[in-house]
């Protein structure tokens, strides 16, 4: 590969990662719009999102498995992928959608964005990976920024929203389960391939969500407001299927560290979208806290 071709390949990877991060960031805004304009509950909205997403992941999984260089899963790998998929995109998504009932889209994305720090800490705990001094500093900066933003938003919304901290806790639990998914998938992705792993993990997650809806909901998915279907379809295509593959391809082209740095546009994108589409205010504590969180995560992402 020539230097010019390599440069174009890298630049295209940056653009792909950027678009993927922005698409992912629309999810919280679409969820809040659905809550504001319809009477849909979190489990129903999540079930519809996964129902619309499922065909794409099933087809992608079938294509990946039909390739000549396909590596067959062992029984143990099937079990691991099912568990990781349910953990990373079923349980995480459920906690996320429940939490978004109580917090703004901007603070949701900011809390979720700290997951690299959780991956670092979990890897240190489970695999005894050493955390360097600069990484500890990055973690401290990240959580100081998050606390600053949380307290700033709480001072604005707590009187009208007594469940603010409940929502923040649910989103933080979502970040923990997603970090566990990242840590657990780290050993499998190099063996089976990122696209194939993503397709099967998301397929299991979709099935898990639909089973959850079937056994717990007392409503039907087929007699809802048309606006609910519109928001769910947008979430499925724009902020689930498309970005999941864009981010995978971006990591392939520019590496996970660079992709993490480019992905730092996510919280900023959510805050801007929420301002224009949801009329969520942008305040000084939120801006300062976001800057600190981005600084900390970028330091860890570079490492």
C-alpha atoms as a PDB file:
ATOM      1  CA  UNK A   1       0.000   0.000   0.000  1.00  0.00           C
ATOM      2  CA  UNK A   2       1.456   3.353  -1.067  1.00  0.00           C
ATOM      3  CA  UNK A   3       1.768   6.265   1.337  1.00  0.00           C
ATOM      4  CA  UNK A   4      -1.051   8.148  -0.423  1.00  0.00           C
ATOM      5  CA  UNK A   5      -3.323   5.102  -0.371  1.00  0.00           C
ATOM      6  CA  UNK A   6      -2.527   4.464   3.286  1.00  0.00           C
ATOM      7  CA  UNK A   7      -3.300   8.093   4.104  1.00  0.00           C
ATOM      8  CA  UNK A   8      -6.656   7.916   2.326  1.00  0.00           C
ATOM      9  CA  UNK A   9      -7.432   4.650   4.109  1.00  0.00           C
ATOM     10  CA  UNK A  10      -6.695   6.273   7.464  1.00  0.00           C
ATOM     11  CA  UNK A  11      -8.712   9.422   6.684  1.00  0.00           C
ATOM     12  CA  UNK A  12     -11.650   7.305   5.533  1.00  0.00           C
ATOM     13  CA  UNK A  13     -11.390   5.407   8.833  1.00  0.00           C
ATOM     14  CA  UNK A  14     -11.584   8.672  10.770  1.00  0.00           C
ATOM     15  CA  UNK A  15     -14.663   9.762   8.800  1.00  0.00           C
ATOM     16  CA  UNK A  16     -16.336   6.354   9.247  1.00  0.00           C
ATOM     17  CA  UNK A  17     -15.647   6.416  13.007  1.00  0.00           C
ATOM     18  CA  UNK A  18     -16.929   9.985  13.257  1.00  0.00           C
ATOM     19  CA  UNK A  19     -20.191   9.195  11.464  1.00  0.00           C
ATOM     20  CA  UNK A  20     -20.615   6.058  13.561  1.00  0.00           C
ATOM     21  CA  UNK A  21     -20.158   7.982  16.818  1.00  0.00           C
ATOM     22  CA  UNK A  22     -22.647  10.668  15.754  1.00  0.00           C
ATOM     23  CA  UNK A  23     -25.200   8.029  14.710  1.00  0.00           C
ATOM     24  CA  UNK A  24     -24.833   6.284  18.056  1.00  0.00           C
ATOM     25  CA  UNK A  25     -25.326   9.619  19.819  1.00  0.00           C
ATOM     26  CA  UNK A  26     -28.778  10.094  18.233  1.00  0.00           C
ATOM     27  CA  UNK A  27     -30.221   7.141  20.178  1.00  0.00           C
ATOM     28  CA  UNK A  28     -30.786   8.995  23.456  1.00  0.00           C
ATOM     29  CA  UNK A  29     -32.385  11.921  21.629  1.00  0.00           C
ATOM     30  CA  UNK A  30     -34.770   9.623  19.733  1.00  0.00           C
ATOM     31  CA  UNK A  31     -35.712   7.810  22.966  1.00  0.00           C
ATOM     32  CA  UNK A  32     -36.478  11.116  24.713  1.00  0.00           C
ATOM     33  CA  UNK A  33     -38.501  12.307  21.706  1.00  0.00           C
ATOM     34  CA  UNK A  34     -40.528   9.093  21.822  1.00  0.00           C
ATOM     35  CA  UNK A  35     -41.171   9.538  25.560  1.00  0.00           C
ATOM     36  CA  UNK A  36     -42.196  13.168  25.097  1.00  0.00           C
ATOM     37  CA  UNK A  37     -44.556  12.686  22.148  1.00  0.00           C
ATOM     38  CA  UNK A  38     -46.091   9.251  22.873  1.00  0.00           C
ATOM     39  CA  UNK A  39     -47.214   7.175  25.843  1.00  0.00           C
ATOM     40  CA  UNK A  40     -44.803   4.310  25.090  1.00  0.00           C
ATOM     41  CA  UNK A  41     -42.964   2.625  27.971  1.00  0.00           C
ATOM     42  CA  UNK A  42     -39.275   1.700  28.054  1.00  0.00           C
ATOM     43  CA  UNK A  43     -39.664  -2.067  27.530  1.00  0.00           C
ATOM     44  CA  UNK A  44     -42.037  -1.694  24.558  1.00  0.00           C
ATOM     45  CA  UNK A  45     -39.814   0.896  22.885  1.00  0.00           C
ATOM     46  CA  UNK A  46     -36.733  -1.270  23.373  1.00  0.00           C
ATOM     47  CA  UNK A  47     -38.546  -4.365  22.065  1.00  0.00           C
ATOM     48  CA  UNK A  48     -39.552  -2.526  18.887  1.00  0.00           C
ATOM     49  CA  UNK A  49     -36.024  -1.224  18.390  1.00  0.00           C
ATOM     50  CA  UNK A  50     -34.651  -4.764  18.615  1.00  0.00           C
ATOM     51  CA  UNK A  51     -37.460  -6.238  16.485  1.00  0.00           C
ATOM     52  CA  UNK A  52     -36.619  -3.863  13.638  1.00  0.00           C
ATOM     53  CA  UNK A  53     -32.872  -4.477  14.091  1.00  0.00           C
ATOM     54  CA  UNK A  54     -33.017  -8.279  14.259  1.00  0.00           C
ATOM     55  CA  UNK A  55     -33.356  -9.061  10.500  1.00  0.00           C
ATOM     56  CA  UNK A  56     -30.234  -7.054   9.683  1.00  0.00           C
ATOM     57  CA  UNK A  57     -28.115  -8.869  12.266  1.00  0.00           C
ATOM     58  CA  UNK A  58     -29.458 -12.315  11.288  1.00  0.00           C
ATOM     59  CA  UNK A  59     -28.612 -11.687   7.622  1.00  0.00           C
ATOM     60  CA  UNK A  60     -25.182 -10.307   8.532  1.00  0.00           C
ATOM     61  CA  UNK A  61     -24.483 -13.326  10.764  1.00  0.00           C
ATOM     62  CA  UNK A  62     -25.479 -15.702   7.953  1.00  0.00           C
ATOM     63  CA  UNK A  63     -23.209 -13.901   5.475  1.00  0.00           C
ATOM     64  CA  UNK A  64     -20.271 -13.965   7.892  1.00  0.00           C
ATOM     65  CA  UNK A  65     -20.750 -17.684   8.542  1.00  0.00           C
ATOM     66  CA  UNK A  66     -20.873 -18.508   4.823  1.00  0.00           C
ATOM     67  CA  UNK A  67     -17.436 -17.047   4.045  1.00  0.00           C
ATOM     68  CA  UNK A  68     -14.608 -19.399   3.110  1.00  0.00           C
ATOM     69  CA  UNK A  69     -12.446 -18.247   6.027  1.00  0.00           C
ATOM     70  CA  UNK A  70     -15.278 -18.679   8.531  1.00  0.00           C
ATOM     71  CA  UNK A  71     -14.289 -20.186  11.885  1.00  0.00           C
ATOM     72  CA  UNK A  72     -16.987 -22.399  13.390  1.00  0.00           C
ATOM     73  CA  UNK A  73     -18.022 -21.637  16.950  1.00  0.00           C
ATOM     74  CA  UNK A  74     -17.446 -24.283  19.577  1.00  0.00           C
ATOM     75  CA  UNK A  75     -20.215 -25.064  22.063  1.00  0.00           C
ATOM     76  CA  UNK A  76     -18.407 -22.989  24.668  1.00  0.00           C
ATOM     77  CA  UNK A  77     -18.122 -20.035  22.272  1.00  0.00           C
ATOM     78  CA  UNK A  78     -21.834 -20.171  21.454  1.00  0.00           C
ATOM     79  CA  UNK A  79     -22.588 -19.977  25.172  1.00  0.00           C
ATOM     80  CA  UNK A  80     -20.132 -17.128  25.714  1.00  0.00           C
ATOM     81  CA  UNK A  81     -21.507 -15.082  22.814  1.00  0.00           C
ATOM     82  CA  UNK A  82     -25.079 -15.592  24.031  1.00  0.00           C
ATOM     83  CA  UNK A  83     -24.164 -14.449  27.553  1.00  0.00           C
ATOM     84  CA  UNK A  84     -22.087 -11.497  26.349  1.00  0.00           C
ATOM     85  CA  UNK A  85     -24.731 -10.392  23.860  1.00  0.00           C
ATOM     86  CA  UNK A  86     -27.422 -10.506  26.534  1.00  0.00           C
ATOM     87  CA  UNK A  87     -25.172  -8.627  28.960  1.00  0.00           C
ATOM     88  CA  UNK A  88     -23.892  -5.997  26.551  1.00  0.00           C
ATOM     89  CA  UNK A  89     -26.980  -5.133  24.518  1.00  0.00           C
ATOM     90  CA  UNK A  90     -29.995  -6.659  26.289  1.00  0.00           C
ATOM     91  CA  UNK A  91     -29.376  -5.770  29.932  1.00  0.00           C
ATOM     92  CA  UNK A  92     -27.416  -2.620  29.079  1.00  0.00           C
ATOM     93  CA  UNK A  93     -30.101  -1.362  26.704  1.00  0.00           C
ATOM     94  CA  UNK A  94     -32.849  -2.102  29.189  1.00  0.00           C
ATOM     95  CA  UNK A  95     -31.084  -0.165  31.948  1.00  0.00           C
ATOM     96  CA  UNK A  96     -30.383   2.660  29.501  1.00  0.00           C
ATOM     97  CA  UNK A  97     -33.990   3.003  28.328  1.00  0.00           C
ATOM     98  CA  UNK A  98     -35.270   2.878  31.917  1.00  0.00           C
ATOM     99  CA  UNK A  99     -32.753   5.519  33.021  1.00  0.00           C
ATOM    100  CA  UNK A 100     -33.641   7.852  30.157  1.00  0.00           C
ATOM    101  CA  UNK A 101     -37.088   8.252  31.690  1.00  0.00           C
ATOM    102  CA  UNK A 102     -35.477  10.324  34.455  1.00  0.00           C
ATOM    103  CA  UNK A 103     -32.380  12.080  33.042  1.00  0.00           C
ATOM    104  CA  UNK A 104     -31.609  14.257  30.042  1.00  0.00           C
ATOM    105  CA  UNK A 105     -30.139  12.877  26.829  1.00  0.00           C
ATOM    106  CA  UNK A 106     -26.963  14.894  27.396  1.00  0.00           C
ATOM    107  CA  UNK A 107     -26.195  13.507  30.849  1.00  0.00           C
ATOM    108  CA  UNK A 108     -27.067   9.973  29.676  1.00  0.00           C
ATOM    109  CA  UNK A 109     -24.443  10.077  26.946  1.00  0.00           C
ATOM    110  CA  UNK A 110     -21.896  11.596  29.340  1.00  0.00           C
ATOM    111  CA  UNK A 111     -22.385   8.816  31.908  1.00  0.00           C
ATOM    112  CA  UNK A 112     -22.205   6.108  29.229  1.00  0.00           C
ATOM    113  CA  UNK A 113     -19.042   7.642  27.808  1.00  0.00           C
ATOM    114  CA  UNK A 114     -17.062   6.736  30.944  1.00  0.00           C
ATOM    115  CA  UNK A 115     -17.186   3.025  30.061  1.00  0.00           C
ATOM    116  CA  UNK A 116     -13.484   2.964  28.960  1.00  0.00           C
ATOM    117  CA  UNK A 117     -12.524   3.842  32.554  1.00  0.00           C
ATOM    118  CA  UNK A 118     -14.678   0.958  33.772  1.00  0.00           C
ATOM    119  CA  UNK A 119     -13.043  -1.380  31.233  1.00  0.00           C
ATOM    120  CA  UNK A 120      -9.665  -0.302  32.592  1.00  0.00           C
ATOM    121  CA  UNK A 121     -10.663  -0.918  36.212  1.00  0.00           C
ATOM    122  CA  UNK A 122     -12.396  -4.236  35.466  1.00  0.00           C
ATOM    123  CA  UNK A 123      -9.387  -5.469  33.464  1.00  0.00           C
ATOM    124  CA  UNK A 124      -7.181  -4.573  36.406  1.00  0.00           C
ATOM    125  CA  UNK A 125      -9.467  -6.456  38.806  1.00  0.00           C
ATOM    126  CA  UNK A 126     -10.106  -9.607  36.739  1.00  0.00           C
ATOM    127  CA  UNK A 127      -6.887  -9.923  34.739  1.00  0.00           C
ATOM    128  CA  UNK A 128      -4.452  -8.129  37.073  1.00  0.00           C
ATOM    129  CA  UNK A 129      -3.493  -5.659  34.351  1.00  0.00           C
ATOM    130  CA  UNK A 130      -1.382  -2.863  35.784  1.00  0.00           C
ATOM    131  CA  UNK A 131      -2.934   0.602  35.820  1.00  0.00           C
ATOM    132  CA  UNK A 132      -0.304   3.268  35.212  1.00  0.00           C
ATOM    133  CA  UNK A 133      -0.073   6.562  37.035  1.00  0.00           C
ATOM    134  CA  UNK A 134      -1.288   8.522  33.993  1.00  0.00           C
ATOM    135  CA  UNK A 135      -4.277   6.183  33.724  1.00  0.00           C
ATOM    136  CA  UNK A 136      -5.203   6.758  37.371  1.00  0.00           C
ATOM    137  CA  UNK A 137      -4.988  10.508  36.726  1.00  0.00           C
ATOM    138  CA  UNK A 138      -7.220  10.077  33.664  1.00  0.00           C
ATOM    139  CA  UNK A 139      -9.772   8.141  35.730  1.00  0.00           C
ATOM    140  CA  UNK A 140      -9.756  10.858  38.414  1.00  0.00           C
ATOM    141  CA  UNK A 141     -10.250  13.594  35.803  1.00  0.00           C
ATOM    142  CA  UNK A 142     -13.104  11.641  34.175  1.00  0.00           C
ATOM    143  CA  UNK A 143     -15.059  11.101  37.386  1.00  0.00           C
ATOM    144  CA  UNK A 144     -14.450  14.640  38.608  1.00  0.00           C
ATOM    145  CA  UNK A 145     -15.951  15.902  35.354  1.00  0.00           C
ATOM    146  CA  UNK A 146     -18.903  13.521  35.583  1.00  0.00           C
ATOM    147  CA  UNK A 147     -19.611  14.525  39.193  1.00  0.00           C
ATOM    148  CA  UNK A 148     -19.404  18.199  38.258  1.00  0.00           C
ATOM    149  CA  UNK A 149     -21.890  17.752  35.403  1.00  0.00           C
ATOM    150  CA  UNK A 150     -24.226  15.597  37.517  1.00  0.00           C
ATOM    151  CA  UNK A 151     -24.372  18.075  40.383  1.00  0.00           C
ATOM    152  CA  UNK A 152     -24.877  20.928  37.941  1.00  0.00           C
ATOM    153  CA  UNK A 153     -27.807  19.192  36.251  1.00  0.00           C
ATOM    154  CA  UNK A 154     -29.274  18.020  39.559  1.00  0.00           C
ATOM    155  CA  UNK A 155     -29.404  21.606  40.807  1.00  0.00           C
ATOM    156  CA  UNK A 156     -31.568  22.480  37.790  1.00  0.00           C
ATOM    157  CA  UNK A 157     -33.857  19.449  37.584  1.00  0.00           C
ATOM    158  CA  UNK A 158     -34.066  17.932  41.077  1.00  0.00           C
ATOM    159  CA  UNK A 159     -37.078  19.976  42.222  1.00  0.00           C
ATOM    160  CA  UNK A 160     -39.128  18.974  39.178  1.00  0.00           C
ATOM    161  CA  UNK A 161     -37.545  15.523  38.825  1.00  0.00           C
ATOM    162  CA  UNK A 162     -37.012  13.768  42.190  1.00  0.00           C
ATOM    163  CA  UNK A 163     -35.947  10.584  40.368  1.00  0.00           C
ATOM    164  CA  UNK A 164     -32.905  12.229  38.741  1.00  0.00           C
ATOM    165  CA  UNK A 165     -30.336  10.267  40.768  1.00  0.00           C
ATOM    166  CA  UNK A 166     -32.307   7.051  40.231  1.00  0.00           C
ATOM    167  CA  UNK A 167     -32.015   7.615  36.472  1.00  0.00           C
ATOM    168  CA  UNK A 168     -28.319   8.449  36.765  1.00  0.00           C
ATOM    169  CA  UNK A 169     -27.745   5.226  38.739  1.00  0.00           C
ATOM    170  CA  UNK A 170     -29.544   3.148  36.068  1.00  0.00           C
ATOM    171  CA  UNK A 171     -27.402   4.698  33.319  1.00  0.00           C
ATOM    172  CA  UNK A 172     -24.243   4.082  35.364  1.00  0.00           C
ATOM    173  CA  UNK A 173     -25.309   0.434  35.821  1.00  0.00           C
ATOM    174  CA  UNK A 174     -25.740   0.317  32.034  1.00  0.00           C
ATOM    175  CA  UNK A 175     -22.161   1.568  31.593  1.00  0.00           C
ATOM    176  CA  UNK A 176     -20.911  -1.165  33.965  1.00  0.00           C
ATOM    177  CA  UNK A 177     -22.696  -3.975  32.107  1.00  0.00           C
ATOM    178  CA  UNK A 178     -21.437  -2.655  28.768  1.00  0.00           C
ATOM    179  CA  UNK A 179     -17.886  -2.476  30.130  1.00  0.00           C
ATOM    180  CA  UNK A 180     -18.228  -6.110  31.271  1.00  0.00           C
ATOM    181  CA  UNK A 181     -19.295  -6.961  27.721  1.00  0.00           C
ATOM    182  CA  UNK A 182     -16.208  -5.220  26.288  1.00  0.00           C
ATOM    183  CA  UNK A 183     -13.884  -6.979  28.732  1.00  0.00           C
ATOM    184  CA  UNK A 184     -15.495 -10.359  28.073  1.00  0.00           C
ATOM    185  CA  UNK A 185     -15.477  -9.997  24.303  1.00  0.00           C
ATOM    186  CA  UNK A 186     -11.821  -8.972  24.137  1.00  0.00           C
ATOM    187  CA  UNK A 187     -10.569 -12.551  23.892  1.00  0.00           C
ATOM    188  CA  UNK A 188     -13.196 -13.692  21.362  1.00  0.00           C
ATOM    189  CA  UNK A 189     -13.154 -10.933  18.765  1.00  0.00           C
ATOM    190  CA  UNK A 190      -9.568 -11.590  17.557  1.00  0.00           C
ATOM    191  CA  UNK A 191     -10.455 -15.267  17.068  1.00  0.00           C
ATOM    192  CA  UNK A 192     -13.849 -15.091  15.314  1.00  0.00           C
ATOM    193  CA  UNK A 193     -13.756 -11.567  13.833  1.00  0.00           C
ATOM    194  CA  UNK A 194     -15.416  -8.361  14.986  1.00  0.00           C
ATOM    195  CA  UNK A 195     -18.246  -8.243  12.405  1.00  0.00           C
ATOM    196  CA  UNK A 196     -19.277 -11.862  12.962  1.00  0.00           C
ATOM    197  CA  UNK A 197     -19.093 -11.522  16.744  1.00  0.00           C
ATOM    198  CA  UNK A 198     -21.125  -8.305  16.641  1.00  0.00           C
ATOM    199  CA  UNK A 199     -23.821  -9.889  14.440  1.00  0.00           C
ATOM    200  CA  UNK A 200     -24.319 -12.946  16.638  1.00  0.00           C
ATOM    201  CA  UNK A 201     -24.063 -11.030  19.922  1.00  0.00           C
ATOM    202  CA  UNK A 202     -26.667  -8.521  18.728  1.00  0.00           C
ATOM    203  CA  UNK A 203     -28.912 -11.347  17.491  1.00  0.00           C
ATOM    204  CA  UNK A 204     -28.898 -12.960  20.929  1.00  0.00           C
ATOM    205  CA  UNK A 205     -29.523  -9.559  22.530  1.00  0.00           C
ATOM    206  CA  UNK A 206     -32.522  -8.909  20.274  1.00  0.00           C
ATOM    207  CA  UNK A 207     -33.986 -12.322  21.100  1.00  0.00           C
ATOM    208  CA  UNK A 208     -33.426 -11.701  24.817  1.00  0.00           C
ATOM    209  CA  UNK A 209     -35.255  -8.358  24.696  1.00  0.00           C
ATOM    210  CA  UNK A 210     -38.197  -9.858  22.774  1.00  0.00           C
ATOM    211  CA  UNK A 211     -38.505 -12.724  25.286  1.00  0.00           C
ATOM    212  CA  UNK A 212     -38.401 -10.153  28.108  1.00  0.00           C
ATOM    213  CA  UNK A 213     -41.248  -8.231  26.480  1.00  0.00           C
ATOM    214  CA  UNK A 214     -43.271 -11.404  25.857  1.00  0.00           C
ATOM    215  CA  UNK A 215     -43.106 -12.559  29.462  1.00  0.00           C
ATOM    216  CA  UNK A 216     -43.473  -9.197  31.225  1.00  0.00           C
ATOM    217  CA  UNK A 217     -45.566  -6.874  29.052  1.00  0.00           C
ATOM    218  CA  UNK A 218     -49.349  -6.786  28.998  1.00  0.00           C
ATOM    219  CA  UNK A 219     -49.559  -4.897  25.700  1.00  0.00           C
ATOM    220  CA  UNK A 220     -49.140  -5.839  22.050  1.00  0.00           C
ATOM    221  CA  UNK A 221     -46.465  -4.593  19.669  1.00  0.00           C
ATOM    222  CA  UNK A 222     -48.988  -4.334  16.838  1.00  0.00           C
ATOM    223  CA  UNK A 223     -51.552  -1.714  17.889  1.00  0.00           C
ATOM    224  CA  UNK A 224     -49.396   1.232  18.890  1.00  0.00           C
ATOM    225  CA  UNK A 225     -49.231   4.847  17.756  1.00  0.00           C
ATOM    226  CA  UNK A 226     -47.549   5.131  14.349  1.00  0.00           C
ATOM    227  CA  UNK A 227     -45.100   7.638  15.851  1.00  0.00           C
ATOM    228  CA  UNK A 228     -43.783   4.879  18.129  1.00  0.00           C
ATOM    229  CA  UNK A 229     -43.001   2.713  15.101  1.00  0.00           C
ATOM    230  CA  UNK A 230     -41.303   5.656  13.409  1.00  0.00           C
ATOM    231  CA  UNK A 231     -39.016   6.399  16.350  1.00  0.00           C
ATOM    232  CA  UNK A 232     -38.264   2.678  16.826  1.00  0.00           C
ATOM    233  CA  UNK A 233     -37.359   2.199  13.168  1.00  0.00           C
ATOM    234  CA  UNK A 234     -35.099   5.253  13.219  1.00  0.00           C
ATOM    235  CA  UNK A 235     -33.384   3.935  16.361  1.00  0.00           C
ATOM    236  CA  UNK A 236     -32.949   0.509  14.780  1.00  0.00           C
ATOM    237  CA  UNK A 237     -31.455   1.745  11.513  1.00  0.00           C
ATOM    238  CA  UNK A 238     -29.779   5.050  12.357  1.00  0.00           C
ATOM    239  CA  UNK A 239     -28.499   4.444  15.885  1.00  0.00           C
ATOM    240  CA  UNK A 240     -28.157   0.655  16.115  1.00  0.00           C
ATOM    241  CA  UNK A 241     -27.437  -1.238  12.881  1.00  0.00           C
ATOM    242  CA  UNK A 242     -25.522   1.361  10.872  1.00  0.00           C
ATOM    243  CA  UNK A 243     -23.208   2.657  13.646  1.00  0.00           C
ATOM    244  CA  UNK A 244     -22.435  -0.831  14.999  1.00  0.00           C
ATOM    245  CA  UNK A 245     -20.807  -1.720  11.680  1.00  0.00           C
ATOM    246  CA  UNK A 246     -19.335   1.743  11.049  1.00  0.00           C
ATOM    247  CA  UNK A 247     -17.508   1.663  14.382  1.00  0.00           C
ATOM    248  CA  UNK A 248     -16.248  -1.873  13.694  1.00  0.00           C
ATOM    249  CA  UNK A 249     -14.925  -0.808  10.290  1.00  0.00           C
ATOM    250  CA  UNK A 250     -13.431   2.366  11.757  1.00  0.00           C
ATOM    251  CA  UNK A 251     -11.505   0.370  14.363  1.00  0.00           C
ATOM    252  CA  UNK A 252     -10.241  -1.898  11.605  1.00  0.00           C
ATOM    253  CA  UNK A 253      -8.880   1.088   9.643  1.00  0.00           C
ATOM    254  CA  UNK A 254      -7.447   3.355  12.342  1.00  0.00           C
ATOM    255  CA  UNK A 255      -7.157   1.168  15.448  1.00  0.00           C
ATOM    256  CA  UNK A 256      -9.155   1.124  18.667  1.00  0.00           C
ATOM    257  CA  UNK A 257      -7.171   3.944  20.319  1.00  0.00           C
ATOM    258  CA  UNK A 258      -7.741   6.407  17.488  1.00  0.00           C
ATOM    259  CA  UNK A 259     -11.370   5.272  17.169  1.00  0.00           C
ATOM    260  CA  UNK A 260     -11.893   5.981  20.878  1.00  0.00           C
ATOM    261  CA  UNK A 261     -10.498   9.499  20.430  1.00  0.00           C
ATOM    262  CA  UNK A 262     -12.703  10.178  17.384  1.00  0.00           C
ATOM    263  CA  UNK A 263     -15.654   8.733  19.316  1.00  0.00           C
ATOM    264  CA  UNK A 264     -15.294  11.479  21.898  1.00  0.00           C
ATOM    265  CA  UNK A 265     -17.510  13.557  19.608  1.00  0.00           C
ATOM    266  CA  UNK A 266     -20.438  11.434  20.891  1.00  0.00           C
ATOM    267  CA  UNK A 267     -21.340  13.324  24.097  1.00  0.00           C
ATOM    268  CA  UNK A 268     -20.889  16.686  22.376  1.00  0.00           C
ATOM    269  CA  UNK A 269     -23.117  15.538  19.503  1.00  0.00           C
ATOM    270  CA  UNK A 270     -25.830  14.386  21.918  1.00  0.00           C
ATOM    271  CA  UNK A 271     -25.750  17.648  23.879  1.00  0.00           C
ATOM    272  CA  UNK A 272     -26.048  19.718  20.678  1.00  0.00           C
ATOM    273  CA  UNK A 273     -28.845  17.538  19.252  1.00  0.00           C
ATOM    274  CA  UNK A 274     -30.709  17.609  22.584  1.00  0.00           C
ATOM    275  CA  UNK A 275     -30.456  21.408  22.647  1.00  0.00           C
ATOM    276  CA  UNK A 276     -31.998  21.829  19.186  1.00  0.00           C
ATOM    277  CA  UNK A 277     -34.447  18.886  19.142  1.00  0.00           C
ATOM    278  CA  UNK A 278     -35.465  18.591  22.801  1.00  0.00           C
ATOM    279  CA  UNK A 279     -34.845  22.144  24.031  1.00  0.00           C
ATOM    280  CA  UNK A 280     -32.552  20.785  26.767  1.00  0.00           C
ATOM    281  CA  UNK A 281     -30.516  23.677  28.197  1.00  0.00           C
ATOM    282  CA  UNK A 282     -26.744  23.822  27.905  1.00  0.00           C
ATOM    283  CA  UNK A 283     -25.236  25.163  31.132  1.00  0.00           C
ATOM    284  CA  UNK A 284     -21.735  25.972  32.352  1.00  0.00           C
ATOM    285  CA  UNK A 285     -21.344  23.013  34.748  1.00  0.00           C
ATOM    286  CA  UNK A 286     -22.348  20.614  31.977  1.00  0.00           C
ATOM    287  CA  UNK A 287     -19.823  22.095  29.546  1.00  0.00           C
ATOM    288  CA  UNK A 288     -16.974  22.062  32.077  1.00  0.00           C
ATOM    289  CA  UNK A 289     -17.812  18.538  33.248  1.00  0.00           C
ATOM    290  CA  UNK A 290     -17.997  17.315  29.647  1.00  0.00           C
ATOM    291  CA  UNK A 291     -14.567  18.771  28.875  1.00  0.00           C
ATOM    292  CA  UNK A 292     -13.062  16.960  31.877  1.00  0.00           C
ATOM    293  CA  UNK A 293     -14.731  13.655  30.946  1.00  0.00           C
ATOM    294  CA  UNK A 294     -13.500  13.943  27.357  1.00  0.00           C
ATOM    295  CA  UNK A 295      -9.975  14.711  28.559  1.00  0.00           C
ATOM    296  CA  UNK A 296      -9.910  11.667  30.828  1.00  0.00           C
ATOM    297  CA  UNK A 297     -11.377   9.245  28.293  1.00  0.00           C
ATOM    298  CA  UNK A 298      -9.117  10.482  25.494  1.00  0.00           C
ATOM    299  CA  UNK A 299      -6.068   9.919  27.737  1.00  0.00           C
ATOM    300  CA  UNK A 300      -7.193   6.337  28.355  1.00  0.00           C
ATOM    301  CA  UNK A 301      -8.149   5.880  24.684  1.00  0.00           C
ATOM    302  CA  UNK A 302      -4.674   6.930  23.543  1.00  0.00           C
ATOM    303  CA  UNK A 303      -3.136   4.403  25.919  1.00  0.00           C
END
